[in-house]
PDB file of N, CA and C in Angstrom:
ATOM      1  N   GLN A   1       9.209  -9.447  50.339  1.00  0.00           N
ATOM      2  CA  GLN A   1       9.319 -10.585  49.431  1.00  0.00           C
ATOM      3  C   GLN A   1      10.482 -10.356  48.475  1.00  0.00           C
ATOM      4  N   VAL A   2      11.286 -11.364  48.286  1.00  0.00           N
ATOM      5  CA  VAL A   2      12.431 -11.299  47.381  1.00  0.00           C
ATOM      6  C   VAL A   2      12.336 -12.480  46.429  1.00  0.00           C
ATOM      7  N   GLN A   3      12.473 -12.203  45.159  1.00  0.00           N
ATOM      8  CA  GLN A   3      12.537 -13.269  44.161  1.00  0.00           C
ATOM      9  C   GLN A   3      13.955 -13.350  43.617  1.00  0.00           C
ATOM     10  N   LEU A   4      14.462 -14.559  43.499  1.00  0.00           N
ATOM     11  CA  LEU A   4      15.849 -14.780  43.101  1.00  0.00           C
ATOM     12  C   LEU A   4      15.888 -15.625  41.836  1.00  0.00           C
ATOM     13  N   VAL A   5      16.710 -15.215  40.892  1.00  0.00           N
ATOM     14  CA  VAL A   5      16.846 -15.953  39.632  1.00  0.00           C
ATOM     15  C   VAL A   5      18.334 -16.166  39.361  1.00  0.00           C
ATOM     16  N   GLU A   6      18.725 -17.434  39.342  1.00  0.00           N
ATOM     17  CA  GLU A   6      20.120 -17.781  39.071  1.00  0.00           C
ATOM     18  C   GLU A   6      20.347 -17.937  37.569  1.00  0.00           C
ATOM     19  N   SER A   7      21.582 -17.691  37.160  1.00  0.00           N
ATOM     20  CA  SER A   7      21.986 -17.917  35.778  1.00  0.00           C
ATOM     21  C   SER A   7      23.477 -18.192  35.754  1.00  0.00           C
ATOM     22  N   GLY A   8      23.960 -18.648  34.599  1.00  0.00           N
ATOM     23  CA  GLY A   8      25.390 -18.841  34.429  1.00  0.00           C
ATOM     24  C   GLY A   8      25.857 -20.275  34.528  1.00  0.00           C
ATOM     25  N   GLY A   9      24.951 -21.183  34.852  1.00  0.00           N
ATOM     26  CA  GLY A   9      25.343 -22.578  34.901  1.00  0.00           C
ATOM     27  C   GLY A   9      25.586 -23.145  33.516  1.00  0.00           C
ATOM     28  N   GLY A  10      26.085 -24.371  33.478  1.00  0.00           N
ATOM     29  CA  GLY A  10      26.333 -25.004  32.186  1.00  0.00           C
ATOM     30  C   GLY A  10      27.269 -26.175  32.328  1.00  0.00           C
ATOM     31  N   LEU A  11      27.758 -26.616  31.191  1.00  0.00           N
ATOM     32  CA  LEU A  11      28.687 -27.740  31.116  1.00  0.00           C
ATOM     33  C   LEU A  11      30.097 -27.214  30.886  1.00  0.00           C
ATOM     34  N   VAL A  12      31.029 -27.669  31.686  1.00  0.00           N
ATOM     35  CA  VAL A  12      32.413 -27.214  31.571  1.00  0.00           C
ATOM     36  C   VAL A  12      33.336 -28.388  31.865  1.00  0.00           C
ATOM     37  N   GLN A  13      34.501 -28.371  31.278  1.00  0.00           N
ATOM     38  CA  GLN A  13      35.481 -29.422  31.542  1.00  0.00           C
ATOM     39  C   GLN A  13      36.180 -29.167  32.875  1.00  0.00           C
ATOM     40  N   ALA A  14      36.676 -30.223  33.458  1.00  0.00           N
ATOM     41  CA  ALA A  14      37.442 -30.091  34.701  1.00  0.00           C
ATOM     42  C   ALA A  14      38.597 -29.113  34.497  1.00  0.00           C
ATOM     43  N   GLY A  15      38.791 -28.265  35.498  1.00  0.00           N
ATOM     44  CA  GLY A  15      39.801 -27.221  35.407  1.00  0.00           C
ATOM     45  C   GLY A  15      39.283 -25.902  34.863  1.00  0.00           C
ATOM     46  N   GLY A  16      38.079 -25.921  34.336  1.00  0.00           N
ATOM     47  CA  GLY A  16      37.496 -24.724  33.758  1.00  0.00           C
ATOM     48  C   GLY A  16      36.841 -23.832  34.789  1.00  0.00           C
ATOM     49  N   SER A  17      36.203 -22.778  34.286  1.00  0.00           N
ATOM     50  CA  SER A  17      35.587 -21.774  35.158  1.00  0.00           C
ATOM     51  C   SER A  17      34.177 -21.456  34.712  1.00  0.00           C
ATOM     52  N   LEU A  18      33.375 -21.036  35.670  1.00  0.00           N
ATOM     53  CA  LEU A  18      32.048 -20.508  35.416  1.00  0.00           C
ATOM     54  C   LEU A  18      31.799 -19.378  36.409  1.00  0.00           C
ATOM     55  N   ARG A  19      30.945 -18.455  36.018  1.00  0.00           N
ATOM     56  CA  ARG A  19      30.504 -17.440  36.954  1.00  0.00           C
ATOM     57  C   ARG A  19      28.985 -17.497  37.059  1.00  0.00           C
ATOM     58  N   LEU A  20      28.513 -17.794  38.233  1.00  0.00           N
ATOM     59  CA  LEU A  20      27.080 -17.808  38.477  1.00  0.00           C
ATOM     60  C   LEU A  20      26.623 -16.418  38.920  1.00  0.00           C
ATOM     61  N   SER A  21      25.440 -16.063  38.498  1.00  0.00           N
ATOM     62  CA  SER A  21      24.819 -14.810  38.915  1.00  0.00           C
ATOM     63  C   SER A  21      23.467 -15.118  39.543  1.00  0.00           C
ATOM     64  N   CYS A  22      23.076 -14.274  40.451  1.00  0.00           N
ATOM     65  CA  CYS A  22      21.765 -14.396  41.078  1.00  0.00           C
ATOM     66  C   CYS A  22      21.172 -12.995  41.147  1.00  0.00           C
ATOM     67  N   ALA A  23      20.154 -12.773  40.352  1.00  0.00           N
ATOM     68  CA  ALA A  23      19.496 -11.465  40.307  1.00  0.00           C
ATOM     69  C   ALA A  23      18.302 -11.466  41.253  1.00  0.00           C
ATOM     70  N   ALA A  24      18.216 -10.431  42.057  1.00  0.00           N
ATOM     71  CA  ALA A  24      17.140 -10.338  43.046  1.00  0.00           C
ATOM     72  C   ALA A  24      16.180  -9.219  42.697  1.00  0.00           C
ATOM     73  N   SER A  25      14.921  -9.469  42.927  1.00  0.00           N
ATOM     74  CA  SER A  25      13.913  -8.421  42.770  1.00  0.00           C
ATOM     75  C   SER A  25      13.787  -7.654  44.076  1.00  0.00           C
ATOM     76  N   GLY A  26      13.184  -6.487  44.013  1.00  0.00           N
ATOM     77  CA  GLY A  26      12.930  -5.752  45.243  1.00  0.00           C
ATOM     78  C   GLY A  26      13.992  -4.724  45.539  1.00  0.00           C
ATOM     79  N   ARG A  27      13.582  -3.688  46.274  1.00  0.00           N
ATOM     80  CA  ARG A  27      14.483  -2.582  46.566  1.00  0.00           C
ATOM     81  C   ARG A  27      15.330  -2.815  47.791  1.00  0.00           C
ATOM     82  N   THR A  28      15.104  -3.922  48.502  1.00  0.00           N
ATOM     83  CA  THR A  28      15.800  -4.138  49.761  1.00  0.00           C
ATOM     84  C   THR A  28      16.903  -5.174  49.662  1.00  0.00           C
ATOM     85  N   PHE A  29      17.379  -5.425  48.448  1.00  0.00           N
ATOM     86  CA  PHE A  29      18.409  -6.452  48.249  1.00  0.00           C
ATOM     87  C   PHE A  29      19.600  -6.206  49.163  1.00  0.00           C
ATOM     88  N   SER A  30      20.000  -4.942  49.333  1.00  0.00           N
ATOM     89  CA  SER A  30      21.190  -4.638  50.126  1.00  0.00           C
ATOM     90  C   SER A  30      21.007  -4.982  51.598  1.00  0.00           C
ATOM     91  N   SER A  31      19.787  -5.289  52.024  1.00  0.00           N
ATOM     92  CA  SER A  31      19.514  -5.652  53.412  1.00  0.00           C
ATOM     93  C   SER A  31      19.668  -7.143  53.683  1.00  0.00           C
ATOM     94  N   TYR A  32      19.927  -7.906  52.634  1.00  0.00           N
ATOM     95  CA  TYR A  32      19.968  -9.361  52.779  1.00  0.00           C
ATOM     96  C   TYR A  32      21.380  -9.906  52.644  1.00  0.00           C
ATOM     97  N   GLY A  33      21.749 -10.769  53.594  1.00  0.00           N
ATOM     98  CA  GLY A  33      22.902 -11.608  53.343  1.00  0.00           C
ATOM     99  C   GLY A  33      22.548 -12.605  52.250  1.00  0.00           C
ATOM    100  N   MET A  34      23.534 -12.978  51.464  1.00  0.00           N
ATOM    101  CA  MET A  34      23.276 -13.870  50.334  1.00  0.00           C
ATOM    102  C   MET A  34      24.157 -15.099  50.418  1.00  0.00           C
ATOM    103  N   GLY A  35      23.581 -16.221  50.063  1.00  0.00           N
ATOM    104  CA  GLY A  35      24.330 -17.463  50.115  1.00  0.00           C
ATOM    105  C   GLY A  35      24.155 -18.291  48.861  1.00  0.00           C
ATOM    106  N   TRP A  36      25.099 -19.177  48.659  1.00  0.00           N
ATOM    107  CA  TRP A  36      25.028 -20.174  47.588  1.00  0.00           C
ATOM    108  C   TRP A  36      25.081 -21.562  48.230  1.00  0.00           C
ATOM    109  N   PHE A  37      24.188 -22.402  47.784  1.00  0.00           N
ATOM    110  CA  PHE A  37      24.136 -23.786  48.217  1.00  0.00           C
ATOM    111  C   PHE A  37      24.096 -24.660  46.966  1.00  0.00           C
ATOM    112  N   ARG A  38      24.368 -25.933  47.129  1.00  0.00           N
ATOM    113  CA  ARG A  38      24.297 -26.843  45.995  1.00  0.00           C
ATOM    114  C   ARG A  38      23.767 -28.195  46.428  1.00  0.00           C
ATOM    115  N   GLN A  39      23.196 -28.888  45.466  1.00  0.00           N
ATOM    116  CA  GLN A  39      22.681 -30.226  45.722  1.00  0.00           C
ATOM    117  C   GLN A  39      23.030 -31.120  44.551  1.00  0.00           C
ATOM    118  N   ALA A  40      23.808 -32.141  44.840  1.00  0.00           N
ATOM    119  CA  ALA A  40      24.165 -33.138  43.843  1.00  0.00           C
ATOM    120  C   ALA A  40      23.151 -34.277  43.890  1.00  0.00           C
ATOM    121  N   PRO A  41      23.023 -35.032  42.804  1.00  0.00           N
ATOM    122  CA  PRO A  41      22.064 -36.141  42.789  1.00  0.00           C
ATOM    123  C   PRO A  41      22.310 -37.108  43.941  1.00  0.00           C
ATOM    124  N   GLY A  42      21.255 -37.432  44.667  1.00  0.00           N
ATOM    125  CA  GLY A  42      21.356 -38.390  45.752  1.00  0.00           C
ATOM    126  C   GLY A  42      21.977 -37.854  47.020  1.00  0.00           C
ATOM    127  N   LYS A  43      22.260 -36.557  47.031  1.00  0.00           N
ATOM    128  CA  LYS A  43      22.885 -35.965  48.216  1.00  0.00           C
ATOM    129  C   LYS A  43      22.022 -34.846  48.775  1.00  0.00           C
ATOM    130  N   GLU A  44      22.283 -34.483  50.017  1.00  0.00           N
ATOM    131  CA  GLU A  44      21.569 -33.376  50.628  1.00  0.00           C
ATOM    132  C   GLU A  44      22.141 -32.044  50.137  1.00  0.00           C
ATOM    133  N   ARG A  45      21.298 -31.012  50.239  1.00  0.00           N
ATOM    134  CA  ARG A  45      21.769 -29.683  49.898  1.00  0.00           C
ATOM    135  C   ARG A  45      22.867 -29.270  50.874  1.00  0.00           C
ATOM    136  N   GLU A  46      23.918 -28.631  50.351  1.00  0.00           N
ATOM    137  CA  GLU A  46      25.034 -28.244  51.201  1.00  0.00           C
ATOM    138  C   GLU A  46      25.438 -26.802  50.940  1.00  0.00           C
ATOM    139  N   PHE A  47      25.994 -26.194  51.958  1.00  0.00           N
ATOM    140  CA  PHE A  47      26.479 -24.828  51.874  1.00  0.00           C
ATOM    141  C   PHE A  47      27.711 -24.758  50.983  1.00  0.00           C
ATOM    142  N   VAL A  48      27.806 -23.673  50.198  1.00  0.00           N
ATOM    143  CA  VAL A  48      28.967 -23.453  49.347  1.00  0.00           C
ATOM    144  C   VAL A  48      29.682 -22.160  49.733  1.00  0.00           C
ATOM    145  N   ALA A  49      28.959 -21.041  49.705  1.00  0.00           N
ATOM    146  CA  ALA A  49      29.572 -19.743  49.970  1.00  0.00           C
ATOM    147  C   ALA A  49      28.500 -18.755  50.383  1.00  0.00           C
ATOM    148  N   ALA A  50      28.921 -17.699  51.076  1.00  0.00           N
ATOM    149  CA  ALA A  50      27.969 -16.682  51.494  1.00  0.00           C
ATOM    150  C   ALA A  50      28.675 -15.357  51.678  1.00  0.00           C
ATOM    151  N   ILE A  51      27.879 -14.277  51.600  1.00  0.00           N
ATOM    152  CA  ILE A  51      28.397 -12.929  51.812  1.00  0.00           C
ATOM    153  C   ILE A  51      27.387 -12.173  52.657  1.00  0.00           C
ATOM    154  N   SER A  52      27.876 -11.417  53.620  1.00  0.00           N
ATOM    155  CA  SER A  52      26.991 -10.705  54.530  1.00  0.00           C
ATOM    156  C   SER A  52      26.279  -9.570  53.809  1.00  0.00           C
ATOM    157  N   TRP A  53      25.244  -9.019  54.470  1.00  0.00           N
ATOM    158  CA  TRP A  53      24.437  -8.005  53.802  1.00  0.00           C
ATOM    159  C   TRP A  53      25.226  -6.744  53.515  1.00  0.00           C
ATOM    160  N   ARG A  54      26.241  -6.456  54.318  1.00  0.00           N
ATOM    161  CA  ARG A  54      27.087  -5.303  54.034  1.00  0.00           C
ATOM    162  C   ARG A  54      28.256  -5.647  53.127  1.00  0.00           C
ATOM    163  N   GLY A  55      28.450  -6.935  52.885  1.00  0.00           N
ATOM    164  CA  GLY A  55      29.526  -7.357  52.008  1.00  0.00           C
ATOM    165  C   GLY A  55      30.880  -7.463  52.678  1.00  0.00           C
ATOM    166  N   GLY A  56      30.934  -7.193  53.986  1.00  0.00           N
ATOM    167  CA  GLY A  56      32.220  -7.192  54.658  1.00  0.00           C
ATOM    168  C   GLY A  56      32.680  -8.550  55.133  1.00  0.00           C
ATOM    169  N   ALA A  57      31.796  -9.511  55.103  1.00  0.00           N
ATOM    170  CA  ALA A  57      32.151 -10.847  55.576  1.00  0.00           C
ATOM    171  C   ALA A  57      31.759 -11.872  54.529  1.00  0.00           C
ATOM    172  N   THR A  58      32.607 -12.857  54.349  1.00  0.00           N
ATOM    173  CA  THR A  58      32.312 -13.967  53.453  1.00  0.00           C
ATOM    174  C   THR A  58      32.609 -15.278  54.176  1.00  0.00           C
ATOM    175  N   ALA A  59      32.059 -16.336  53.659  1.00  0.00           N
ATOM    176  CA  ALA A  59      32.303 -17.670  54.206  1.00  0.00           C
ATOM    177  C   ALA A  59      32.289 -18.663  53.059  1.00  0.00           C
ATOM    178  N   TYR A  60      33.095 -19.702  53.193  1.00  0.00           N
ATOM    179  CA  TYR A  60      33.200 -20.717  52.152  1.00  0.00           C
ATOM    180  C   TYR A  60      33.243 -22.106  52.769  1.00  0.00           C
ATOM    181  N   ALA A  61      32.693 -23.048  52.055  1.00  0.00           N
ATOM    182  CA  ALA A  61      32.890 -24.440  52.421  1.00  0.00           C
ATOM    183  C   ALA A  61      34.355 -24.804  52.196  1.00  0.00           C
ATOM    184  N   ASP A  62      34.854 -25.725  52.995  1.00  0.00           N
ATOM    185  CA  ASP A  62      36.279 -26.059  52.919  1.00  0.00           C
ATOM    186  C   ASP A  62      36.691 -26.527  51.523  1.00  0.00           C
ATOM    187  N   ASP A  63      35.825 -27.260  50.858  1.00  0.00           N
ATOM    188  CA  ASP A  63      36.245 -27.845  49.574  1.00  0.00           C
ATOM    189  C   ASP A  63      36.180 -26.865  48.412  1.00  0.00           C
ATOM    190  N   VAL A  64      35.745 -25.634  48.657  1.00  0.00           N
ATOM    191  CA  VAL A  64      35.752 -24.645  47.578  1.00  0.00           C
ATOM    192  C   VAL A  64      36.661 -23.456  47.891  1.00  0.00           C
ATOM    193  N   LYS A  65      37.194 -23.407  49.106  1.00  0.00           N
ATOM    194  CA  LYS A  65      38.084 -22.300  49.474  1.00  0.00           C
ATOM    195  C   LYS A  65      39.261 -22.220  48.513  1.00  0.00           C
ATOM    196  N   GLY A  66      39.562 -21.012  48.074  1.00  0.00           N
ATOM    197  CA  GLY A  66      40.651 -20.817  47.147  1.00  0.00           C
ATOM    198  C   GLY A  66      40.270 -21.028  45.697  1.00  0.00           C
ATOM    199  N   ARG A  67      39.091 -21.598  45.448  1.00  0.00           N
ATOM    200  CA  ARG A  67      38.627 -21.818  44.067  1.00  0.00           C
ATOM    201  C   ARG A  67      37.408 -20.969  43.726  1.00  0.00           C
ATOM    202  N   PHE A  68      36.540 -20.763  44.697  1.00  0.00           N
ATOM    203  CA  PHE A  68      35.303 -19.998  44.474  1.00  0.00           C
ATOM    204  C   PHE A  68      35.402 -18.653  45.179  1.00  0.00           C
ATOM    205  N   THR A  69      34.800 -17.636  44.582  1.00  0.00           N
ATOM    206  CA  THR A  69      34.755 -16.311  45.182  1.00  0.00           C
ATOM    207  C   THR A  69      33.350 -15.741  45.057  1.00  0.00           C
ATOM    208  N   VAL A  70      32.784 -15.337  46.179  1.00  0.00           N
ATOM    209  CA  VAL A  70      31.454 -14.745  46.185  1.00  0.00           C
ATOM    210  C   VAL A  70      31.590 -13.227  46.287  1.00  0.00           C
ATOM    211  N   SER A  71      30.733 -12.522  45.568  1.00  0.00           N
ATOM    212  CA  SER A  71      30.739 -11.068  45.612  1.00  0.00           C
ATOM    213  C   SER A  71      29.321 -10.576  45.358  1.00  0.00           C
ATOM    214  N   ARG A  72      29.116  -9.293  45.603  1.00  0.00           N
ATOM    215  CA  ARG A  72      27.789  -8.738  45.367  1.00  0.00           C
ATOM    216  C   ARG A  72      27.904  -7.329  44.809  1.00  0.00           C
ATOM    217  N   ASP A  73      26.903  -6.952  44.035  1.00  0.00           N
ATOM    218  CA  ASP A  73      26.798  -5.608  43.489  1.00  0.00           C
ATOM    219  C   ASP A  73      25.405  -5.114  43.861  1.00  0.00           C
ATOM    220  N   ASN A  74      25.321  -4.327  44.919  1.00  0.00           N
ATOM    221  CA  ASN A  74      24.000  -3.898  45.389  1.00  0.00           C
ATOM    222  C   ASN A  74      23.321  -2.959  44.409  1.00  0.00           C
ATOM    223  N   ALA A  75      24.098  -2.246  43.616  1.00  0.00           N
ATOM    224  CA  ALA A  75      23.493  -1.358  42.618  1.00  0.00           C
ATOM    225  C   ALA A  75      22.769  -2.147  41.541  1.00  0.00           C
ATOM    226  N   LYS A  76      23.206  -3.376  41.322  1.00  0.00           N
ATOM    227  CA  LYS A  76      22.587  -4.235  40.305  1.00  0.00           C
ATOM    228  C   LYS A  76      21.711  -5.308  40.924  1.00  0.00           C
ATOM    229  N   ASN A  77      21.548  -5.281  42.248  1.00  0.00           N
ATOM    230  CA  ASN A  77      20.742  -6.307  42.930  1.00  0.00           C
ATOM    231  C   ASN A  77      21.193  -7.717  42.551  1.00  0.00           C
ATOM    232  N   THR A  78      22.481  -7.925  42.508  1.00  0.00           N
ATOM    233  CA  THR A  78      23.006  -9.196  42.013  1.00  0.00           C
ATOM    234  C   THR A  78      24.147  -9.682  42.903  1.00  0.00           C
ATOM    235  N   VAL A  79      24.146 -10.978  43.125  1.00  0.00           N
ATOM    236  CA  VAL A  79      25.261 -11.636  43.789  1.00  0.00           C
ATOM    237  C   VAL A  79      25.893 -12.601  42.790  1.00  0.00           C
ATOM    238  N   TYR A  80      27.191 -12.731  42.873  1.00  0.00           N
ATOM    239  CA  TYR A  80      27.947 -13.557  41.931  1.00  0.00           C
ATOM    240  C   TYR A  80      28.738 -14.621  42.682  1.00  0.00           C
ATOM    241  N   MET A  81      29.053 -15.663  41.966  1.00  0.00           N
ATOM    242  CA  MET A  81      30.022 -16.626  42.483  1.00  0.00           C
ATOM    243  C   MET A  81      30.915 -17.056  41.322  1.00  0.00           C
ATOM    244  N   GLN A  82      32.154 -16.652  41.403  1.00  0.00           N
ATOM    245  CA  GLN A  82      33.153 -17.057  40.413  1.00  0.00           C
ATOM    246  C   GLN A  82      33.705 -18.407  40.835  1.00  0.00           C
ATOM    247  N   MET A  83      33.635 -19.363  39.942  1.00  0.00           N
ATOM    248  CA  MET A  83      34.079 -20.720  40.238  1.00  0.00           C
ATOM    249  C   MET A  83      35.219 -21.074  39.303  1.00  0.00           C
ATOM    250  N   ASN A  84      36.385 -21.283  39.866  1.00  0.00           N
ATOM    251  CA  ASN A  84      37.574 -21.639  39.088  1.00  0.00           C
ATOM    252  C   ASN A  84      38.041 -23.035  39.451  1.00  0.00           C
ATOM    253  N   SER A  85      38.889 -23.581  38.610  1.00  0.00           N
ATOM    254  CA  SER A  85      39.462 -24.916  38.869  1.00  0.00           C
ATOM    255  C   SER A  85      38.372 -25.920  39.209  1.00  0.00           C
ATOM    256  N   LEU A  86      37.339 -25.931  38.408  1.00  0.00           N
ATOM    257  CA  LEU A  86      36.200 -26.800  38.692  1.00  0.00           C
ATOM    258  C   LEU A  86      36.574 -28.266  38.603  1.00  0.00           C
ATOM    259  N   LYS A  87      35.913 -29.050  39.444  1.00  0.00           N
ATOM    260  CA  LYS A  87      36.152 -30.485  39.529  1.00  0.00           C
ATOM    261  C   LYS A  87      34.844 -31.223  39.254  1.00  0.00           C
ATOM    262  N   PRO A  88      34.926 -32.464  38.810  1.00  0.00           N
ATOM    263  CA  PRO A  88      33.679 -33.222  38.591  1.00  0.00           C
ATOM    264  C   PRO A  88      32.799 -33.271  39.831  1.00  0.00           C
ATOM    265  N   GLU A  89      33.393 -33.279  41.000  1.00  0.00           N
ATOM    266  CA  GLU A  89      32.595 -33.330  42.225  1.00  0.00           C
ATOM    267  C   GLU A  89      31.872 -32.020  42.528  1.00  0.00           C
ATOM    268  N   ASP A  90      32.129 -30.979  41.753  1.00  0.00           N
ATOM    269  CA  ASP A  90      31.368 -29.737  41.880  1.00  0.00           C
ATOM    270  C   ASP A  90      30.037 -29.809  41.127  1.00  0.00           C
ATOM    271  N   THR A  91      29.835 -30.879  40.384  1.00  0.00           N
ATOM    272  CA  THR A  91      28.591 -31.039  39.636  1.00  0.00           C
ATOM    273  C   THR A  91      27.396 -31.066  40.584  1.00  0.00           C
ATOM    274  N   ALA A  92      26.445 -30.183  40.348  1.00  0.00           N
ATOM    275  CA  ALA A  92      25.273 -30.061  41.225  1.00  0.00           C
ATOM    276  C   ALA A  92      24.345 -28.994  40.665  1.00  0.00           C
ATOM    277  N   VAL A  93      23.176 -28.908  41.256  1.00  0.00           N
ATOM    278  CA  VAL A  93      22.317 -27.748  41.045  1.00  0.00           C
ATOM    279  C   VAL A  93      22.695 -26.721  42.112  1.00  0.00           C
ATOM    280  N   TYR A  94      22.953 -25.514  41.656  1.00  0.00           N
ATOM    281  CA  TYR A  94      23.384 -24.446  42.555  1.00  0.00           C
ATOM    282  C   TYR A  94      22.232 -23.480  42.790  1.00  0.00           C
ATOM    283  N   TYR A  95      22.004 -23.174  44.051  1.00  0.00           N
ATOM    284  CA  TYR A  95      20.912 -22.305  44.468  1.00  0.00           C
ATOM    285  C   TYR A  95      21.470 -21.073  45.172  1.00  0.00           C
ATOM    286  N   CYS A  96      20.892 -19.932  44.894  1.00  0.00           N
ATOM    287  CA  CYS A  96      21.199 -18.783  45.729  1.00  0.00           C
ATOM    288  C   CYS A  96      20.043 -18.563  46.691  1.00  0.00           C
ATOM    289  N   ALA A  97      20.352 -17.915  47.800  1.00  0.00           N
ATOM    290  CA  ALA A  97      19.371 -17.721  48.854  1.00  0.00           C
ATOM    291  C   ALA A  97      19.627 -16.389  49.558  1.00  0.00           C
ATOM    292  N   ALA A  98      18.567 -15.837  50.128  1.00  0.00           N
ATOM    293  CA  ALA A  98      18.639 -14.533  50.800  1.00  0.00           C
ATOM    294  C   ALA A  98      18.314 -14.675  52.281  1.00  0.00           C
ATOM    295  N   ASP A  99      19.168 -14.095  53.103  1.00  0.00           N
ATOM    296  CA  ASP A  99      19.043 -14.147  54.562  1.00  0.00           C
ATOM    297  C   ASP A  99      18.678 -12.754  55.063  1.00  0.00           C
ATOM    298  N   GLY A 100      17.488 -12.615  55.619  1.00  0.00           N
ATOM    299  CA  GLY A 100      17.015 -11.308  56.078  1.00  0.00           C
ATOM    300  C   GLY A 100      17.323 -11.001  57.525  1.00  0.00           C
ATOM    301  N   GLY A 101      18.285 -11.677  58.134  1.00  0.00           N
ATOM    302  CA  GLY A 101      18.529 -11.548  59.551  1.00  0.00           C
ATOM    303  C   GLY A 101      19.495 -10.461  59.978  1.00  0.00           C
ATOM    304  N   PHE A 102      20.005  -9.642  59.054  1.00  0.00           N
ATOM    305  CA  PHE A 102      20.932  -8.551  59.392  1.00  0.00           C
ATOM    306  C   PHE A 102      22.108  -9.045  60.231  1.00  0.00           C
ATOM    307  N   ARG A 103      22.598 -10.230  59.872  1.00  0.00           N
ATOM    308  CA  ARG A 103      23.750 -10.762  60.606  1.00  0.00           C
ATOM    309  C   ARG A 103      25.039 -10.079  60.135  1.00  0.00           C
ATOM    310  N   ARG A 104      25.941  -9.841  61.073  1.00  0.00           N
ATOM    311  CA  ARG A 104      27.230  -9.250  60.704  1.00  0.00           C
ATOM    312  C   ARG A 104      28.101 -10.265  59.983  1.00  0.00           C
ATOM    313  N   TRP A 105      27.798 -11.551  60.166  1.00  0.00           N
ATOM    314  CA  TRP A 105      28.607 -12.586  59.526  1.00  0.00           C
ATOM    315  C   TRP A 105      27.849 -13.154  58.330  1.00  0.00           C
ATOM    316  N   ALA A 106      28.558 -13.922  57.553  1.00  0.00           N
ATOM    317  CA  ALA A 106      27.939 -14.594  56.410  1.00  0.00           C
ATOM    318  C   ALA A 106      27.484 -15.967  56.866  1.00  0.00           C
ATOM    319  N   SER A 107      26.191 -16.192  56.869  1.00  0.00           N
ATOM    320  CA  SER A 107      25.648 -17.415  57.443  1.00  0.00           C
ATOM    321  C   SER A 107      25.868 -18.626  56.552  1.00  0.00           C
ATOM    322  N   THR A 108      26.270 -19.723  57.183  1.00  0.00           N
ATOM    323  CA  THR A 108      26.426 -21.002  56.488  1.00  0.00           C
ATOM    324  C   THR A 108      25.240 -21.922  56.754  1.00  0.00           C
ATOM    325  N   PHE A 109      24.254 -21.437  57.510  1.00  0.00           N
ATOM    326  CA  PHE A 109      23.166 -22.260  58.028  1.00  0.00           C
ATOM    327  C   PHE A 109      21.927 -22.084  57.173  1.00  0.00           C
ATOM    328  N   ALA A 110      21.550 -23.100  56.436  1.00  0.00           N
ATOM    329  CA  ALA A 110      20.447 -22.991  55.486  1.00  0.00           C
ATOM    330  C   ALA A 110      19.139 -22.478  56.106  1.00  0.00           C
ATOM    331  N   PRO A 111      18.772 -22.902  57.315  1.00  0.00           N
ATOM    332  CA  PRO A 111      17.512 -22.400  57.888  1.00  0.00           C
ATOM    333  C   PRO A 111      17.498 -20.890  58.117  1.00  0.00           C
ATOM    334  N   ASN A 112      18.654 -20.236  58.094  1.00  0.00           N
ATOM    335  CA  ASN A 112      18.678 -18.781  58.247  1.00  0.00           C
ATOM    336  C   ASN A 112      18.211 -18.064  56.983  1.00  0.00           C
ATOM    337  N   TYR A 113      18.111 -18.782  55.891  1.00  0.00           N
ATOM    338  CA  TYR A 113      17.780 -18.163  54.612  1.00  0.00           C
ATOM    339  C   TYR A 113      16.283 -18.222  54.360  1.00  0.00           C
ATOM    340  N   ASP A 114      15.741 -17.057  54.021  1.00  0.00           N
ATOM    341  CA  ASP A 114      14.295 -16.908  53.906  1.00  0.00           C
ATOM    342  C   ASP A 114      13.775 -17.144  52.498  1.00  0.00           C
ATOM    343  N   TYR A 115      14.587 -16.844  51.505  1.00  0.00           N
ATOM    344  CA  TYR A 115      14.148 -16.939  50.114  1.00  0.00           C
ATOM    345  C   TYR A 115      15.184 -17.718  49.317  1.00  0.00           C
ATOM    346  N   TRP A 116      14.681 -18.491  48.368  1.00  0.00           N
ATOM    347  CA  TRP A 116      15.538 -19.353  47.557  1.00  0.00           C
ATOM    348  C   TRP A 116      15.177 -19.203  46.080  1.00  0.00           C
ATOM    349  N   GLY A 117      16.220 -19.317  45.236  1.00  0.00           N
ATOM    350  CA  GLY A 117      15.986 -19.364  43.804  1.00  0.00           C
ATOM    351  C   GLY A 117      15.663 -20.776  43.356  1.00  0.00           C
ATOM    352  N   GLN A 118      15.429 -20.922  42.057  1.00  0.00           N
ATOM    353  CA  GLN A 118      15.056 -22.216  41.498  1.00  0.00           C
ATOM    354  C   GLN A 118      16.264 -23.075  41.164  1.00  0.00           C
ATOM    355  N   GLY A 119      17.429 -22.483  41.123  1.00  0.00           N
ATOM    356  CA  GLY A 119      18.631 -23.260  40.883  1.00  0.00           C
ATOM    357  C   GLY A 119      19.112 -23.221  39.448  1.00  0.00           C
ATOM    358  N   THR A 120      20.400 -23.447  39.271  1.00  0.00           N
ATOM    359  CA  THR A 120      21.007 -23.550  37.952  1.00  0.00           C
ATOM    360  C   THR A 120      21.963 -24.737  37.960  1.00  0.00           C
ATOM    361  N   GLN A 121      21.928 -25.521  36.889  1.00  0.00           N
ATOM    362  CA  GLN A 121      22.724 -26.747  36.836  1.00  0.00           C
ATOM    363  C   GLN A 121      24.162 -26.429  36.436  1.00  0.00           C
ATOM    364  N   VAL A 122      25.087 -26.989  37.178  1.00  0.00           N
ATOM    365  CA  VAL A 122      26.509 -26.941  36.827  1.00  0.00           C
ATOM    366  C   VAL A 122      26.983 -28.376  36.665  1.00  0.00           C
ATOM    367  N   THR A 123      27.537 -28.671  35.500  1.00  0.00           N
ATOM    368  CA  THR A 123      28.045 -29.998  35.226  1.00  0.00           C
ATOM    369  C   THR A 123      29.510 -29.887  34.815  1.00  0.00           C
ATOM    370  N   VAL A 124      30.363 -30.599  35.528  1.00  0.00           N
ATOM    371  CA  VAL A 124      31.797 -30.571  35.248  1.00  0.00           C
ATOM    372  C   VAL A 124      32.205 -31.951  34.753  1.00  0.00           C
ATOM    373  N   SER A 125      32.693 -32.023  33.540  1.00  0.00           N
ATOM    374  CA  SER A 125      33.092 -33.290  32.955  1.00  0.00           C
ATOM    375  C   SER A 125      34.579 -33.541  33.207  1.00  0.00           C
ATOM    376  N   SER A 126      34.911 -34.812  33.324  1.00  0.00           N
ATOM    377  CA  SER A 126      36.313 -35.176  33.610  1.00  0.00           C
ATOM    378  C   SER A 126      37.094 -35.361  32.329  1.00  0.00           C
TER     379      SER A 126
END
């Protein structure tokens, strides 16, 4: 069982930056690939970024490539997502998720994720 708690969301102006954190409980955090997803009002949840359990592979949605960076610190049981050059269309609730499948790649597929956090709101004003 893994419990995930996101933090770092908030209100920021367009062009600004935020860093989201996701703290995981449990001693097996390093065994999980980690992903970030988001859901805007009236829209379906969508993939944003992911990092493999060993940290050697990452994946990004096309509209965040070059602006967002995912990383992990297994000693702190935490995954991060640095978000730069934020746009109003990045406004959403952001969720982190844990994938226990020992995949060599960073999964973009939501059903591969076994555990989900409660989400943190990111609002980007124009």
